[in-house]
Amino acid sequence: MKSIKEKKERSLGVKLFIKAERCNSPKCAMVRHPYRPGMHGQKHRRILSDYGRQLQEKQKAQLLYGFNTRQMQNLFSRHSQEDILLRLETRLDHVVFLLGFAKSPRIARQLVSHGHILVNGRKVTIPSFRVRIGDIMRIRPESRDGKLFEDIHARLREYSAPSWLELKPEQLEGKCVLNPQLEGLQLPFDINLVVQFFAR
């Protein structure tokens, strides 16, 4: 049974890896049904207005990061584009995903909010917590035998984290050693259109 978020993914026409590995398999909703949900989904899509395109990109970012409207408003209307990118890349839930501790951004968000992640030895349950150079992230020892981490050692042995993160697979630990490289950063949404949406 397809989830509401998978339907939203199809509606927006982009893979946001809501269902982790499923999104890379033939079972992916975007592969099985590469059109908008609903009885008219396979018909030609209407041309969006400028506002419609901005709204669509804003919805992609909102679904990917789990933002509510106020959080998006605060981020995109108060900061420069470079600062927005830096803040998105260094969110704790995103760093947990980049370290390979979670199979999808959505699962990474859950790991943080459910208290499975320690930052510098202290439990942090705020997904938007900003990771800084020198911070050490590790999976809480009490959580490591849980189902969410049953195959993590095997996965991490074959995984390479971005160069600005130092991963220690055996310790289930990662460290932020540099600021992320923002030039050429690939996002599944057009950040320029999201900024324009909130600049209206």
N, C-alpha and C. Protein backbone atom coordinates (compact mmCIF):
# COMPACT_ATOMS: atom_id res chain seq x y z
N MET A 1 0.85 -1.20 0.00
CA MET A 1 0.00 0.00 0.00
C MET A 1 0.89 1.25 0.00
N LYS A 2 0.61 2.15 -0.92
CA LYS A 2 1.43 3.36 -1.04
C LYS A 2 1.08 4.34 0.06
N SER A 3 2.11 4.99 0.61
CA SER A 3 1.90 5.95 1.67
C SER A 3 1.50 7.31 1.10
N ILE A 4 0.98 8.16 1.98
CA ILE A 4 0.60 9.51 1.57
C ILE A 4 1.81 10.26 1.04
N LYS A 5 2.99 10.06 1.70
CA LYS A 5 4.19 10.75 1.28
C LYS A 5 4.67 10.27 -0.09
N GLU A 6 4.48 8.97 -0.38
CA GLU A 6 4.84 8.47 -1.70
C GLU A 6 3.95 9.10 -2.77
N LYS A 7 2.68 9.27 -2.45
CA LYS A 7 1.77 9.93 -3.39
C LYS A 7 2.20 11.37 -3.62
N LYS A 8 2.64 12.02 -2.54
CA LYS A 8 3.12 13.41 -2.67
C LYS A 8 4.34 13.46 -3.56
N GLU A 9 5.22 12.46 -3.40
CA GLU A 9 6.41 12.35 -4.22
C GLU A 9 6.03 12.26 -5.70
N ARG A 10 5.06 11.42 -6.00
CA ARG A 10 4.59 11.28 -7.38
C ARG A 10 3.96 12.56 -7.89
N SER A 11 3.20 13.22 -7.02
CA SER A 11 2.57 14.47 -7.40
C SER A 11 3.59 15.54 -7.77
N LEU A 12 4.72 15.54 -7.05
CA LEU A 12 5.77 16.53 -7.31
C LEU A 12 6.71 16.09 -8.43
N GLY A 13 6.64 14.80 -8.79
CA GLY A 13 7.44 14.31 -9.90
C GLY A 13 8.92 14.17 -9.62
N VAL A 14 9.30 13.87 -8.36
CA VAL A 14 10.71 13.75 -8.02
C VAL A 14 10.90 12.69 -6.94
N LYS A 15 12.00 11.94 -7.05
CA LYS A 15 12.34 10.96 -6.01
C LYS A 15 12.98 11.67 -4.83
N LEU A 16 12.38 11.52 -3.66
CA LEU A 16 12.94 12.10 -2.44
C LEU A 16 13.38 11.01 -1.47
N PHE A 17 13.37 9.75 -1.94
CA PHE A 17 13.83 8.60 -1.15
C PHE A 17 13.11 8.50 0.19
N ILE A 18 11.78 8.64 0.11
CA ILE A 18 10.93 8.52 1.29
C ILE A 18 11.00 7.12 1.88
N LYS A 19 11.11 6.11 1.00
CA LYS A 19 11.08 4.71 1.44
C LYS A 19 12.45 4.03 1.36
N ALA A 20 13.51 4.78 1.57
CA ALA A 20 14.87 4.24 1.62
C ALA A 20 15.19 3.38 0.40
N GLU A 21 15.63 2.08 0.61
CA GLU A 21 16.08 1.25 -0.50
C GLU A 21 14.98 1.00 -1.52
N ARG A 22 13.74 1.02 -1.07
CA ARG A 22 12.62 0.79 -1.99
C ARG A 22 12.67 1.77 -3.17
N CYS A 23 13.19 2.98 -2.91
CA CYS A 23 13.26 3.99 -3.97
C CYS A 23 14.28 3.63 -5.04
N ASN A 24 15.19 2.70 -4.74
CA ASN A 24 16.17 2.24 -5.73
C ASN A 24 15.80 0.89 -6.32
N SER A 25 14.59 0.44 -6.06
CA SER A 25 14.16 -0.87 -6.54
C SER A 25 12.97 -0.72 -7.49
N PRO A 26 12.63 -1.81 -8.19
CA PRO A 26 11.46 -1.77 -9.08
C PRO A 26 10.14 -1.52 -8.36
N LYS A 27 10.16 -1.66 -7.02
CA LYS A 27 8.95 -1.44 -6.24
C LYS A 27 8.68 0.04 -5.98
N CYS A 28 9.63 0.89 -6.34
CA CYS A 28 9.48 2.32 -6.10
C CYS A 28 8.20 2.84 -6.76
N ALA A 29 7.46 3.65 -6.02
CA ALA A 29 6.21 4.20 -6.55
C ALA A 29 6.44 5.04 -7.80
N MET A 30 7.59 5.73 -7.85
CA MET A 30 7.91 6.57 -9.01
C MET A 30 8.26 5.74 -10.24
N VAL A 31 8.70 4.49 -10.01
CA VAL A 31 9.01 3.59 -11.13
C VAL A 31 7.74 2.89 -11.61
N ARG A 32 6.96 2.40 -10.67
CA ARG A 32 5.74 1.66 -11.02
C ARG A 32 4.65 2.57 -11.57
N HIS A 33 4.60 3.79 -11.06
CA HIS A 33 3.56 4.73 -11.50
C HIS A 33 4.19 6.09 -11.76
N PRO A 34 4.90 6.25 -12.89
CA PRO A 34 5.62 7.50 -13.16
C PRO A 34 4.71 8.62 -13.67
N TYR A 35 3.67 8.86 -12.93
CA TYR A 35 2.72 9.92 -13.26
C TYR A 35 2.03 10.35 -11.99
N ARG A 36 1.31 11.43 -12.06
CA ARG A 36 0.64 11.97 -10.87
C ARG A 36 -0.44 11.01 -10.39
N PRO A 37 -0.68 10.94 -9.07
CA PRO A 37 -1.75 10.08 -8.55
C PRO A 37 -3.12 10.61 -8.95
N GLY A 38 -4.12 9.74 -8.87
CA GLY A 38 -5.48 10.15 -9.21
C GLY A 38 -5.90 9.64 -10.58
N MET A 39 -7.18 9.69 -10.85
CA MET A 39 -7.73 9.12 -12.08
C MET A 39 -7.28 9.86 -13.34
N HIS A 40 -6.85 11.12 -13.19
CA HIS A 40 -6.39 11.88 -14.34
C HIS A 40 -4.87 12.04 -14.37
N GLY A 41 -4.20 11.25 -13.54
CA GLY A 41 -2.76 11.42 -13.38
C GLY A 41 -1.94 11.17 -14.62
N GLN A 42 -2.42 10.28 -15.52
CA GLN A 42 -1.64 9.94 -16.70
C GLN A 42 -1.83 10.92 -17.85
N LYS A 43 -2.75 11.85 -17.69
CA LYS A 43 -2.98 12.84 -18.74
C LYS A 43 -1.87 13.88 -18.74
N HIS A 44 -1.74 14.60 -19.81
CA HIS A 44 -0.69 15.62 -19.93
C HIS A 44 -0.81 16.66 -18.82
N ARG A 45 0.29 16.95 -18.20
CA ARG A 45 0.28 17.91 -17.09
C ARG A 45 0.20 19.33 -17.62
N ARG A 46 -0.59 20.13 -16.93
CA ARG A 46 -0.74 21.51 -17.36
C ARG A 46 0.55 22.29 -17.07
N ILE A 47 0.74 23.35 -17.84
CA ILE A 47 1.92 24.18 -17.66
C ILE A 47 1.72 25.04 -16.41
N LEU A 48 2.69 25.00 -15.52
CA LEU A 48 2.59 25.74 -14.26
C LEU A 48 2.95 27.21 -14.46
N SER A 49 2.31 28.07 -13.70
CA SER A 49 2.68 29.48 -13.65
C SER A 49 3.97 29.62 -12.86
N ASP A 50 4.54 30.81 -12.86
CA ASP A 50 5.75 31.05 -12.06
C ASP A 50 5.49 30.73 -10.60
N TYR A 51 4.33 31.19 -10.11
CA TYR A 51 3.98 30.91 -8.71
C TYR A 51 3.83 29.41 -8.48
N GLY A 52 3.21 28.71 -9.43
CA GLY A 52 3.03 27.27 -9.30
C GLY A 52 4.34 26.53 -9.22
N ARG A 53 5.32 26.95 -10.02
CA ARG A 53 6.64 26.32 -9.99
C ARG A 53 7.34 26.60 -8.67
N GLN A 54 7.22 27.83 -8.17
CA GLN A 54 7.82 28.18 -6.88
C GLN A 54 7.19 27.35 -5.76
N LEU A 55 5.86 27.23 -5.80
CA LEU A 55 5.15 26.47 -4.78
C LEU A 55 5.56 25.00 -4.82
N GLN A 56 5.71 24.46 -6.02
CA GLN A 56 6.10 23.06 -6.16
C GLN A 56 7.49 22.80 -5.57
N GLU A 57 8.44 23.70 -5.84
CA GLU A 57 9.78 23.52 -5.30
C GLU A 57 9.79 23.68 -3.78
N LYS A 58 8.96 24.60 -3.29
CA LYS A 58 8.84 24.77 -1.83
C LYS A 58 8.29 23.50 -1.19
N GLN A 59 7.34 22.84 -1.84
CA GLN A 59 6.76 21.60 -1.30
C GLN A 59 7.77 20.46 -1.30
N LYS A 60 8.64 20.42 -2.32
CA LYS A 60 9.70 19.41 -2.36
C LYS A 60 10.61 19.55 -1.14
N ALA A 61 11.06 20.77 -0.88
CA ALA A 61 11.95 21.02 0.26
C ALA A 61 11.24 20.70 1.57
N GLN A 62 9.97 21.05 1.65
CA GLN A 62 9.20 20.83 2.87
C GLN A 62 9.06 19.34 3.16
N LEU A 63 8.81 18.55 2.12
CA LEU A 63 8.66 17.10 2.29
C LEU A 63 10.00 16.45 2.61
N LEU A 64 11.07 16.89 1.96
CA LEU A 64 12.39 16.30 2.15
C LEU A 64 12.91 16.50 3.57
N TYR A 65 12.74 17.71 4.11
CA TYR A 65 13.32 18.04 5.42
C TYR A 65 12.31 17.98 6.58
N GLY A 66 11.04 17.73 6.26
CA GLY A 66 10.05 17.67 7.32
C GLY A 66 9.74 19.02 7.93
N PHE A 67 9.91 20.09 7.14
CA PHE A 67 9.65 21.44 7.62
C PHE A 67 8.15 21.69 7.77
N ASN A 68 7.79 22.56 8.71
CA ASN A 68 6.46 23.15 8.66
C ASN A 68 6.60 24.52 8.00
N THR A 69 5.48 25.16 7.71
CA THR A 69 5.52 26.41 6.95
C THR A 69 6.29 27.50 7.69
N ARG A 70 6.12 27.58 9.00
CA ARG A 70 6.82 28.63 9.77
C ARG A 70 8.33 28.42 9.73
N GLN A 71 8.77 27.17 9.86
CA GLN A 71 10.21 26.88 9.80
C GLN A 71 10.80 27.28 8.45
N MET A 72 10.07 26.99 7.39
CA MET A 72 10.54 27.37 6.06
C MET A 72 10.59 28.88 5.90
N GLN A 73 9.56 29.55 6.40
CA GLN A 73 9.51 31.00 6.33
C GLN A 73 10.71 31.61 7.04
N ASN A 74 11.00 31.12 8.22
CA ASN A 74 12.13 31.65 9.00
C ASN A 74 13.46 31.43 8.29
N LEU A 75 13.62 30.26 7.69
CA LEU A 75 14.90 29.94 7.04
C LEU A 75 15.09 30.70 5.74
N PHE A 76 14.10 30.65 4.87
CA PHE A 76 14.27 31.16 3.51
C PHE A 76 14.06 32.67 3.37
N SER A 77 13.45 33.29 4.36
CA SER A 77 13.24 34.73 4.24
C SER A 77 14.24 35.54 5.06
N ARG A 78 15.04 34.89 5.91
CA ARG A 78 15.93 35.62 6.82
C ARG A 78 17.41 35.43 6.53
N HIS A 79 17.74 34.51 5.60
CA HIS A 79 19.15 34.18 5.38
C HIS A 79 19.50 34.24 3.90
N SER A 80 20.80 34.44 3.65
CA SER A 80 21.28 34.43 2.27
C SER A 80 21.22 32.99 1.74
N GLN A 81 21.29 32.87 0.42
CA GLN A 81 21.21 31.54 -0.18
C GLN A 81 22.36 30.66 0.27
N GLU A 82 23.56 31.22 0.39
CA GLU A 82 24.71 30.43 0.83
C GLU A 82 24.52 29.94 2.26
N ASP A 83 23.98 30.81 3.11
CA ASP A 83 23.75 30.43 4.50
C ASP A 83 22.65 29.37 4.60
N ILE A 84 21.64 29.48 3.73
CA ILE A 84 20.57 28.47 3.71
C ILE A 84 21.16 27.11 3.37
N LEU A 85 21.99 27.06 2.33
CA LEU A 85 22.61 25.80 1.92
C LEU A 85 23.46 25.22 3.05
N LEU A 86 24.22 26.08 3.72
CA LEU A 86 25.07 25.61 4.82
C LEU A 86 24.21 25.05 5.95
N ARG A 87 23.14 25.74 6.26
CA ARG A 87 22.26 25.29 7.35
C ARG A 87 21.57 23.97 6.99
N LEU A 88 21.19 23.80 5.74
CA LEU A 88 20.55 22.55 5.33
C LEU A 88 21.54 21.39 5.38
N GLU A 89 22.76 21.63 4.89
CA GLU A 89 23.76 20.56 4.86
C GLU A 89 24.21 20.14 6.25
N THR A 90 24.22 21.07 7.20
CA THR A 90 24.74 20.76 8.53
C THR A 90 23.65 20.48 9.56
N ARG A 91 22.41 20.31 9.11
CA ARG A 91 21.37 19.83 10.03
C ARG A 91 21.78 18.45 10.56
N LEU A 92 21.54 18.20 11.82
CA LEU A 92 21.95 16.93 12.40
C LEU A 92 21.33 15.74 11.68
N ASP A 93 20.04 15.81 11.35
CA ASP A 93 19.42 14.67 10.68
C ASP A 93 20.06 14.42 9.31
N HIS A 94 20.43 15.50 8.61
CA HIS A 94 21.07 15.34 7.30
C HIS A 94 22.48 14.75 7.45
N VAL A 95 23.20 15.19 8.47
CA VAL A 95 24.54 14.67 8.71
C VAL A 95 24.47 13.18 9.08
N VAL A 96 23.48 12.80 9.88
CA VAL A 96 23.29 11.40 10.24
C VAL A 96 23.06 10.56 8.97
N PHE A 97 22.29 11.11 8.04
CA PHE A 97 22.06 10.42 6.76
C PHE A 97 23.35 10.34 5.95
N LEU A 98 24.09 11.45 5.87
CA LEU A 98 25.33 11.47 5.09
C LEU A 98 26.40 10.55 5.67
N LEU A 99 26.36 10.32 6.96
CA LEU A 99 27.31 9.40 7.60
C LEU A 99 26.94 7.93 7.35
N GLY A 100 25.76 7.70 6.79
CA GLY A 100 25.33 6.34 6.51
C GLY A 100 24.65 5.65 7.67
N PHE A 101 24.37 6.39 8.72
CA PHE A 101 23.70 5.80 9.89
C PHE A 101 22.23 5.48 9.60
N ALA A 102 21.65 6.13 8.61
CA ALA A 102 20.24 5.93 8.26
C ALA A 102 20.13 5.72 6.75
N LYS A 103 19.11 4.96 6.35
CA LYS A 103 18.94 4.62 4.94
C LYS A 103 18.20 5.68 4.14
N SER A 104 17.62 6.65 4.82
CA SER A 104 16.92 7.73 4.13
C SER A 104 16.88 8.95 5.04
N PRO A 105 16.66 10.15 4.48
CA PRO A 105 16.54 11.35 5.32
C PRO A 105 15.40 11.24 6.33
N ARG A 106 14.31 10.60 5.93
CA ARG A 106 13.17 10.46 6.85
C ARG A 106 13.55 9.60 8.05
N ILE A 107 14.26 8.49 7.80
CA ILE A 107 14.69 7.62 8.90
C ILE A 107 15.70 8.34 9.78
N ALA A 108 16.60 9.13 9.16
CA ALA A 108 17.58 9.89 9.94
C ALA A 108 16.87 10.86 10.89
N ARG A 109 15.82 11.50 10.40
CA ARG A 109 15.05 12.42 11.23
C ARG A 109 14.44 11.68 12.42
N GLN A 110 13.95 10.47 12.19
CA GLN A 110 13.37 9.68 13.27
C GLN A 110 14.43 9.25 14.28
N LEU A 111 15.61 8.86 13.78
CA LEU A 111 16.68 8.44 14.70
C LEU A 111 17.04 9.56 15.66
N VAL A 112 17.12 10.78 15.14
CA VAL A 112 17.46 11.92 15.99
C VAL A 112 16.34 12.21 16.98
N SER A 113 15.12 12.34 16.47
CA SER A 113 14.01 12.73 17.35
C SER A 113 13.69 11.67 18.40
N HIS A 114 14.04 10.40 18.12
CA HIS A 114 13.79 9.33 19.10
C HIS A 114 14.96 9.10 20.05
N GLY A 115 16.00 9.93 19.93
CA GLY A 115 17.07 9.90 20.91
C GLY A 115 18.15 8.86 20.69
N HIS A 116 18.31 8.39 19.44
CA HIS A 116 19.31 7.37 19.16
C HIS A 116 20.70 7.94 18.83
N ILE A 117 20.80 9.27 18.71
CA ILE A 117 22.06 9.89 18.28
C ILE A 117 22.63 10.77 19.39
N LEU A 118 23.94 10.62 19.63
CA LEU A 118 24.67 11.47 20.59
C LEU A 118 25.55 12.44 19.81
N VAL A 119 25.62 13.67 20.28
CA VAL A 119 26.54 14.67 19.74
C VAL A 119 27.46 15.09 20.87
N ASN A 120 28.75 14.83 20.69
CA ASN A 120 29.74 15.12 21.74
C ASN A 120 29.35 14.49 23.08
N GLY A 121 28.79 13.27 22.97
CA GLY A 121 28.46 12.51 24.17
C GLY A 121 27.11 12.82 24.79
N ARG A 122 26.38 13.78 24.21
CA ARG A 122 25.08 14.15 24.77
C ARG A 122 23.97 13.85 23.78
N LYS A 123 22.86 13.35 24.27
CA LYS A 123 21.73 13.04 23.41
C LYS A 123 21.10 14.32 22.87
N VAL A 124 20.92 14.39 21.56
CA VAL A 124 20.28 15.53 20.92
C VAL A 124 19.06 15.01 20.16
N THR A 125 17.89 15.58 20.41
CA THR A 125 16.66 15.10 19.79
C THR A 125 16.04 16.13 18.84
N ILE A 126 16.82 17.12 18.45
CA ILE A 126 16.32 18.17 17.56
C ILE A 126 16.94 17.95 16.18
N PRO A 127 16.16 17.51 15.19
CA PRO A 127 16.70 17.22 13.85
C PRO A 127 17.41 18.41 13.21
N SER A 128 16.97 19.62 13.50
CA SER A 128 17.55 20.81 12.89
C SER A 128 18.80 21.32 13.63
N PHE A 129 19.22 20.63 14.69
CA PHE A 129 20.43 21.00 15.42
C PHE A 129 21.57 21.19 14.42
N ARG A 130 22.32 22.27 14.56
CA ARG A 130 23.36 22.58 13.59
C ARG A 130 24.71 21.98 14.00
N VAL A 131 25.22 21.10 13.15
CA VAL A 131 26.52 20.46 13.40
C VAL A 131 27.64 21.40 13.00
N ARG A 132 28.66 21.50 13.83
CA ARG A 132 29.79 22.40 13.58
C ARG A 132 31.10 21.61 13.55
N ILE A 133 32.14 22.24 13.02
CA ILE A 133 33.45 21.60 12.94
C ILE A 133 33.89 21.15 14.33
N GLY A 134 34.32 19.90 14.42
CA GLY A 134 34.75 19.34 15.70
C GLY A 134 33.70 18.50 16.38
N ASP A 135 32.43 18.64 15.99
CA ASP A 135 31.37 17.85 16.62
C ASP A 135 31.51 16.38 16.24
N ILE A 136 31.27 15.52 17.22
CA ILE A 136 31.36 14.07 17.01
C ILE A 136 29.96 13.47 17.21
N MET A 137 29.49 12.79 16.17
CA MET A 137 28.19 12.13 16.20
C MET A 137 28.38 10.63 16.32
N ARG A 138 27.64 10.00 17.21
CA ARG A 138 27.71 8.54 17.31
C ARG A 138 26.34 7.99 17.65
N ILE A 139 26.16 6.74 17.31
CA ILE A 139 24.91 6.06 17.66
C ILE A 139 24.96 5.68 19.13
N ARG A 140 23.92 5.99 19.85
CA ARG A 140 23.86 5.72 21.29
C ARG A 140 24.08 4.22 21.55
N PRO A 141 25.01 3.86 22.44
CA PRO A 141 25.31 2.44 22.69
C PRO A 141 24.08 1.60 23.00
N GLU A 142 23.14 2.17 23.75
CA GLU A 142 21.93 1.42 24.12
C GLU A 142 21.02 1.14 22.93
N SER A 143 21.23 1.86 21.82
CA SER A 143 20.37 1.71 20.65
C SER A 143 20.94 0.76 19.60
N ARG A 144 22.21 0.39 19.73
CA ARG A 144 22.91 -0.30 18.64
C ARG A 144 22.40 -1.70 18.35
N ASP A 145 21.76 -2.34 19.31
CA ASP A 145 21.25 -3.69 19.09
C ASP A 145 19.82 -3.69 18.54
N GLY A 146 19.27 -2.51 18.30
CA GLY A 146 17.91 -2.41 17.80
C GLY A 146 17.80 -2.78 16.33
N LYS A 147 16.60 -3.02 15.87
CA LYS A 147 16.33 -3.43 14.50
C LYS A 147 16.81 -2.40 13.48
N LEU A 148 16.74 -1.13 13.84
CA LEU A 148 17.15 -0.07 12.91
C LEU A 148 18.62 -0.17 12.53
N PHE A 149 19.41 -0.81 13.37
CA PHE A 149 20.86 -0.87 13.13
C PHE A 149 21.38 -2.29 12.93
N GLU A 150 20.50 -3.22 12.62
CA GLU A 150 20.90 -4.63 12.58
C GLU A 150 21.94 -4.93 11.49
N ASP A 151 21.96 -4.18 10.41
CA ASP A 151 22.93 -4.45 9.34
C ASP A 151 23.91 -3.29 9.13
N ILE A 152 24.02 -2.42 10.13
CA ILE A 152 24.76 -1.19 9.91
C ILE A 152 26.26 -1.40 9.71
N HIS A 153 26.86 -2.36 10.40
CA HIS A 153 28.30 -2.58 10.24
C HIS A 153 28.63 -3.00 8.82
N ALA A 154 27.82 -3.88 8.26
CA ALA A 154 28.05 -4.33 6.89
C ALA A 154 27.85 -3.18 5.90
N ARG A 155 26.84 -2.36 6.14
CA ARG A 155 26.57 -1.22 5.24
C ARG A 155 27.71 -0.21 5.28
N LEU A 156 28.18 0.11 6.48
CA LEU A 156 29.20 1.16 6.61
C LEU A 156 30.55 0.73 6.07
N ARG A 157 30.83 -0.58 6.06
CA ARG A 157 32.11 -1.04 5.51
C ARG A 157 32.22 -0.75 4.02
N GLU A 158 31.09 -0.61 3.35
CA GLU A 158 31.08 -0.35 1.91
C GLU A 158 30.67 1.09 1.59
N TYR A 159 30.63 1.93 2.61
CA TYR A 159 30.12 3.29 2.43
C TYR A 159 31.22 4.32 2.59
N SER A 160 31.16 5.37 1.79
CA SER A 160 32.10 6.48 1.90
C SER A 160 31.32 7.76 2.19
N ALA A 161 31.64 8.41 3.29
CA ALA A 161 30.98 9.67 3.64
C ALA A 161 31.61 10.81 2.87
N PRO A 162 30.94 11.94 2.75
CA PRO A 162 31.53 13.12 2.10
C PRO A 162 32.84 13.52 2.77
N SER A 163 33.71 14.19 2.03
CA SER A 163 35.06 14.49 2.51
C SER A 163 35.08 15.38 3.75
N TRP A 164 34.01 16.14 3.99
CA TRP A 164 34.00 17.02 5.15
C TRP A 164 33.58 16.30 6.43
N LEU A 165 33.24 15.01 6.28
CA LEU A 165 32.88 14.19 7.44
C LEU A 165 33.86 13.02 7.54
N GLU A 166 34.32 12.73 8.74
CA GLU A 166 35.22 11.61 8.99
C GLU A 166 34.41 10.50 9.64
N LEU A 167 34.34 9.37 8.95
CA LEU A 167 33.53 8.24 9.44
C LEU A 167 34.41 7.14 10.01
N LYS A 168 34.06 6.67 11.19
CA LYS A 168 34.73 5.52 11.81
C LYS A 168 33.68 4.41 11.94
N PRO A 169 33.62 3.53 10.93
CA PRO A 169 32.55 2.52 10.88
C PRO A 169 32.49 1.61 12.09
N GLU A 170 33.65 1.14 12.55
CA GLU A 170 33.64 0.18 13.65
C GLU A 170 33.12 0.79 14.95
N GLN A 171 33.39 2.08 15.14
CA GLN A 171 32.92 2.77 16.35
C GLN A 171 31.52 3.35 16.18
N LEU A 172 30.97 3.23 14.97
CA LEU A 172 29.67 3.84 14.66
C LEU A 172 29.71 5.32 15.04
N GLU A 173 30.74 5.97 14.54
CA GLU A 173 31.01 7.35 14.93
C GLU A 173 31.42 8.17 13.71
N GLY A 174 31.04 9.42 13.71
CA GLY A 174 31.45 10.33 12.65
C GLY A 174 31.79 11.69 13.23
N LYS A 175 32.70 12.40 12.54
CA LYS A 175 33.13 13.71 13.02
C LYS A 175 33.08 14.72 11.88
N CYS A 176 32.64 15.92 12.19
CA CYS A 176 32.66 17.02 11.21
C CYS A 176 34.05 17.65 11.27
N VAL A 177 34.80 17.53 10.17
CA VAL A 177 36.19 18.01 10.17
C VAL A 177 36.37 19.28 9.32
N LEU A 178 35.40 19.58 8.47
CA LEU A 178 35.46 20.76 7.61
C LEU A 178 34.06 21.30 7.41
N ASN A 179 33.98 22.51 6.84
CA ASN A 179 32.69 22.98 6.38
C ASN A 179 32.36 22.28 5.07
N PRO A 180 31.08 21.98 4.82
CA PRO A 180 30.73 21.29 3.57
C PRO A 180 31.02 22.15 2.35
N GLN A 181 31.34 21.50 1.24
CA GLN A 181 31.55 22.19 -0.03
C GLN A 181 30.19 22.50 -0.64
N LEU A 182 29.87 23.78 -0.78
CA LEU A 182 28.56 24.17 -1.28
C LEU A 182 28.54 24.36 -2.79
N GLU A 183 29.71 24.59 -3.38
CA GLU A 183 29.77 24.79 -4.83
C GLU A 183 29.43 23.48 -5.54
N GLY A 184 28.46 23.56 -6.43
CA GLY A 184 28.05 22.38 -7.17
C GLY A 184 27.18 21.42 -6.39
N LEU A 185 26.71 21.84 -5.23
CA LEU A 185 25.85 20.99 -4.41
C LEU A 185 24.55 20.68 -5.15
N GLN A 186 24.21 19.41 -5.23
CA GLN A 186 23.01 18.98 -5.94
C GLN A 186 21.86 18.79 -4.95
N LEU A 187 20.78 19.50 -5.17
CA LEU A 187 19.59 19.37 -4.35
C LEU A 187 18.43 18.89 -5.23
N PRO A 188 17.49 18.14 -4.67
CA PRO A 188 16.34 17.68 -5.46
C PRO A 188 15.25 18.74 -5.63
N PHE A 189 15.59 19.98 -5.34
CA PHE A 189 14.66 21.08 -5.57
C PHE A 189 15.46 22.31 -5.98
N ASP A 190 14.80 23.26 -6.59
CA ASP A 190 15.45 24.48 -7.06
C ASP A 190 15.39 25.53 -5.94
N ILE A 191 16.51 25.73 -5.29
CA ILE A 191 16.54 26.63 -4.14
C ILE A 191 16.21 28.07 -4.55
N ASN A 192 16.57 28.45 -5.77
CA ASN A 192 16.26 29.80 -6.23
C ASN A 192 14.76 30.06 -6.25
N LEU A 193 13.99 29.07 -6.69
CA LEU A 193 12.54 29.23 -6.75
C LEU A 193 11.92 29.26 -5.36
N VAL A 194 12.51 28.52 -4.42
CA VAL A 194 12.00 28.55 -3.05
C VAL A 194 12.26 29.92 -2.42
N VAL A 195 13.46 30.46 -2.66
CA VAL A 195 13.78 31.80 -2.16
C VAL A 195 12.81 32.82 -2.75
N GLN A 196 12.52 32.70 -4.06
CA GLN A 196 11.59 33.62 -4.70
C GLN A 196 10.19 33.48 -4.10
N PHE A 197 9.79 32.27 -3.76
CA PHE A 197 8.45 32.05 -3.16
C PHE A 197 8.31 32.84 -1.87
N PHE A 198 9.34 32.82 -1.03
CA PHE A 198 9.25 33.50 0.26
C PHE A 198 9.63 34.97 0.18
N ALA A 199 10.08 35.41 -0.99
CA ALA A 199 10.42 36.83 -1.16
C ALA A 199 9.21 37.62 -1.67
N ARG A 200 8.12 36.93 -1.95
CA ARG A 200 6.95 37.64 -2.50
C ARG A 200 6.37 38.61 -1.47
